[in-house]
Amino acid sequence: MTFNDVEFKACPRCGVEPKMEDVRERSLTKPNVMSVKCPACGMSNSIAWGSMDLPPFRQAVAMLADSWNSR
């Protein structure tokens, strides 16, 4: 699966293509959260982005893909 031109490999546990979710908060206190989840077995990973001291969107996508693909 490709999200924002970054490739996410199939689920390392069951081999099903993952799904992405990007929840953007309109709040000064809550960060935006992006997650990748396997719809078959439920394995997931997430990352906060866009608030102070958190990575910007593109960097967060790359970090999430690295984390997911290295499992």
N, C-alpha and C. Protein backbone atom coordinates (compact mmCIF):
# COMPACT_ATOMS: atom_id res chain seq x y z
N MET A 1 0.84 -1.17 0.00
CA MET A 1 0.00 0.00 0.00
C MET A 1 0.89 1.24 0.00
N THR A 2 0.49 2.25 -0.72
CA THR A 2 1.22 3.51 -0.75
C THR A 2 0.35 4.61 -0.16
N PHE A 3 0.94 5.40 0.73
CA PHE A 3 0.26 6.53 1.33
C PHE A 3 1.19 7.73 1.25
N ASN A 4 0.77 8.78 0.60
CA ASN A 4 1.57 9.99 0.44
C ASN A 4 2.94 9.66 -0.18
N ASP A 5 2.94 8.81 -1.19
CA ASP A 5 4.13 8.37 -1.92
C ASP A 5 5.12 7.57 -1.07
N VAL A 6 4.69 7.04 0.06
CA VAL A 6 5.53 6.19 0.91
C VAL A 6 4.90 4.80 0.95
N GLU A 7 5.72 3.78 0.77
CA GLU A 7 5.21 2.41 0.72
C GLU A 7 5.13 1.79 2.11
N PHE A 8 3.98 1.20 2.38
CA PHE A 8 3.77 0.41 3.59
C PHE A 8 3.63 -1.05 3.15
N LYS A 9 4.48 -1.91 3.68
CA LYS A 9 4.44 -3.33 3.31
C LYS A 9 3.23 -4.00 3.93
N ALA A 10 2.94 -5.20 3.44
CA ALA A 10 1.83 -5.99 3.98
C ALA A 10 2.10 -6.29 5.46
N CYS A 11 1.07 -6.60 6.19
CA CYS A 11 1.17 -6.91 7.61
C CYS A 11 2.18 -8.05 7.83
N PRO A 12 3.15 -7.83 8.70
CA PRO A 12 4.15 -8.87 8.94
C PRO A 12 3.57 -10.09 9.66
N ARG A 13 2.44 -9.93 10.31
CA ARG A 13 1.83 -11.03 11.05
C ARG A 13 0.99 -11.93 10.14
N CYS A 14 0.18 -11.31 9.25
CA CYS A 14 -0.75 -12.13 8.46
C CYS A 14 -0.69 -11.88 6.96
N GLY A 15 0.05 -10.85 6.51
CA GLY A 15 0.23 -10.61 5.08
C GLY A 15 -0.85 -9.80 4.39
N VAL A 16 -1.80 -9.26 5.12
CA VAL A 16 -2.88 -8.47 4.54
C VAL A 16 -2.42 -7.02 4.38
N GLU A 17 -2.90 -6.35 3.34
CA GLU A 17 -2.54 -4.94 3.11
C GLU A 17 -3.13 -4.07 4.21
N PRO A 18 -2.31 -3.19 4.81
CA PRO A 18 -2.79 -2.35 5.90
C PRO A 18 -3.65 -1.18 5.41
N LYS A 19 -4.31 -0.53 6.36
CA LYS A 19 -5.10 0.66 6.07
C LYS A 19 -4.56 1.81 6.92
N MET A 20 -4.60 3.01 6.34
CA MET A 20 -4.13 4.21 7.02
C MET A 20 -5.30 5.02 7.54
N GLU A 21 -5.07 5.71 8.65
CA GLU A 21 -6.05 6.65 9.17
C GLU A 21 -5.29 7.89 9.64
N ASP A 22 -5.75 9.04 9.25
CA ASP A 22 -5.12 10.30 9.63
C ASP A 22 -6.18 11.14 10.33
N VAL A 23 -6.05 11.26 11.65
CA VAL A 23 -7.01 12.02 12.45
C VAL A 23 -6.40 13.37 12.79
N ARG A 24 -6.97 14.40 12.24
CA ARG A 24 -6.44 15.76 12.47
C ARG A 24 -7.32 16.46 13.50
N GLU A 25 -6.66 16.88 14.56
CA GLU A 25 -7.36 17.57 15.65
C GLU A 25 -7.28 19.07 15.43
N ARG A 26 -8.34 19.76 15.68
CA ARG A 26 -8.33 21.23 15.64
C ARG A 26 -8.24 21.71 17.09
N SER A 27 -7.05 21.47 17.65
CA SER A 27 -6.85 21.79 19.06
C SER A 27 -5.40 22.19 19.28
N LEU A 28 -5.19 23.09 20.20
CA LEU A 28 -3.82 23.48 20.54
C LEU A 28 -3.19 22.52 21.53
N THR A 29 -4.00 21.69 22.16
CA THR A 29 -3.49 20.77 23.17
C THR A 29 -3.38 19.32 22.71
N LYS A 30 -4.11 18.94 21.66
CA LYS A 30 -4.07 17.56 21.17
C LYS A 30 -3.34 17.50 19.84
N PRO A 31 -2.39 16.57 19.69
CA PRO A 31 -1.69 16.43 18.42
C PRO A 31 -2.54 15.69 17.39
N ASN A 32 -2.17 15.85 16.13
CA ASN A 32 -2.76 15.04 15.07
C ASN A 32 -2.18 13.63 15.22
N VAL A 33 -2.95 12.62 14.88
CA VAL A 33 -2.48 11.24 15.00
C VAL A 33 -2.72 10.51 13.69
N MET A 34 -1.68 9.85 13.23
CA MET A 34 -1.76 9.04 12.02
C MET A 34 -1.49 7.60 12.44
N SER A 35 -2.28 6.66 11.92
CA SER A 35 -2.07 5.27 12.29
C SER A 35 -2.18 4.36 11.08
N VAL A 36 -1.50 3.23 11.19
CA VAL A 36 -1.58 2.18 10.18
C VAL A 36 -2.06 0.94 10.93
N LYS A 37 -3.04 0.22 10.32
CA LYS A 37 -3.64 -0.92 11.01
C LYS A 37 -3.97 -2.01 10.01
N CYS A 38 -3.75 -3.24 10.43
CA CYS A 38 -4.13 -4.38 9.60
C CYS A 38 -5.61 -4.66 9.85
N PRO A 39 -6.43 -4.68 8.80
CA PRO A 39 -7.86 -4.91 9.00
C PRO A 39 -8.18 -6.37 9.36
N ALA A 40 -7.25 -7.29 9.10
CA ALA A 40 -7.50 -8.70 9.37
C ALA A 40 -7.17 -9.10 10.81
N CYS A 41 -5.94 -8.80 11.26
CA CYS A 41 -5.52 -9.26 12.59
C CYS A 41 -5.51 -8.16 13.64
N GLY A 42 -5.62 -6.90 13.22
CA GLY A 42 -5.69 -5.79 14.16
C GLY A 42 -4.36 -5.21 14.59
N MET A 43 -3.24 -5.74 14.10
CA MET A 43 -1.95 -5.17 14.46
C MET A 43 -1.91 -3.72 14.00
N SER A 44 -1.38 -2.83 14.84
CA SER A 44 -1.38 -1.41 14.48
C SER A 44 -0.16 -0.69 15.04
N ASN A 45 0.04 0.51 14.52
CA ASN A 45 1.09 1.40 14.98
C ASN A 45 0.61 2.82 14.69
N SER A 46 1.02 3.78 15.50
CA SER A 46 0.58 5.16 15.27
C SER A 46 1.69 6.13 15.63
N ILE A 47 1.52 7.36 15.16
CA ILE A 47 2.47 8.42 15.45
C ILE A 47 1.72 9.75 15.52
N ALA A 48 2.14 10.58 16.47
CA ALA A 48 1.57 11.93 16.58
C ALA A 48 2.42 12.86 15.72
N TRP A 49 1.78 13.86 15.14
CA TRP A 49 2.52 14.79 14.28
C TRP A 49 1.90 16.17 14.31
N GLY A 50 2.71 17.15 13.92
CA GLY A 50 2.21 18.48 13.62
C GLY A 50 2.13 19.48 14.75
N SER A 51 2.28 19.06 15.98
CA SER A 51 2.26 20.02 17.08
C SER A 51 3.69 20.40 17.45
N MET A 52 3.84 21.26 18.41
CA MET A 52 5.19 21.67 18.82
C MET A 52 5.99 20.44 19.24
N ASP A 53 7.24 20.41 18.82
CA ASP A 53 8.18 19.33 19.14
C ASP A 53 7.80 17.98 18.53
N LEU A 54 6.84 17.96 17.63
CA LEU A 54 6.48 16.73 16.92
C LEU A 54 6.83 16.91 15.44
N PRO A 55 7.10 15.81 14.73
CA PRO A 55 7.50 15.94 13.33
C PRO A 55 6.38 16.46 12.45
N PRO A 56 6.72 17.13 11.33
CA PRO A 56 5.71 17.54 10.36
C PRO A 56 5.14 16.31 9.64
N PHE A 57 4.07 16.51 8.90
CA PHE A 57 3.32 15.43 8.27
C PHE A 57 4.20 14.48 7.45
N ARG A 58 4.95 15.00 6.48
CA ARG A 58 5.75 14.14 5.61
C ARG A 58 6.78 13.32 6.39
N GLN A 59 7.41 13.94 7.35
CA GLN A 59 8.39 13.22 8.17
C GLN A 59 7.69 12.16 9.02
N ALA A 60 6.51 12.46 9.52
CA ALA A 60 5.76 11.49 10.32
C ALA A 60 5.36 10.28 9.48
N VAL A 61 4.95 10.50 8.23
CA VAL A 61 4.59 9.39 7.35
C VAL A 61 5.80 8.48 7.15
N ALA A 62 6.96 9.06 6.89
CA ALA A 62 8.18 8.28 6.68
C ALA A 62 8.56 7.52 7.94
N MET A 63 8.45 8.15 9.10
CA MET A 63 8.78 7.49 10.36
C MET A 63 7.82 6.33 10.64
N LEU A 64 6.53 6.53 10.37
CA LEU A 64 5.54 5.48 10.59
C LEU A 64 5.80 4.31 9.64
N ALA A 65 6.12 4.59 8.38
CA ALA A 65 6.42 3.52 7.42
C ALA A 65 7.66 2.74 7.84
N ASP A 66 8.70 3.45 8.27
CA ASP A 66 9.92 2.76 8.74
C ASP A 66 9.61 1.83 9.89
N SER A 67 8.81 2.30 10.83
CA SER A 67 8.45 1.50 11.99
C SER A 67 7.63 0.28 11.58
N TRP A 68 6.64 0.49 10.72
CA TRP A 68 5.77 -0.61 10.28
C TRP A 68 6.55 -1.62 9.42
N ASN A 69 7.35 -1.14 8.49
CA ASN A 69 8.04 -2.02 7.56
C ASN A 69 9.18 -2.79 8.22
N SER A 70 9.67 -2.33 9.36
CA SER A 70 10.80 -3.01 10.00
C SER A 70 10.34 -4.09 10.99
N ARG A 71 9.07 -4.28 11.12
CA ARG A 71 8.55 -5.31 12.05
C ARG A 71 8.81 -6.69 11.51
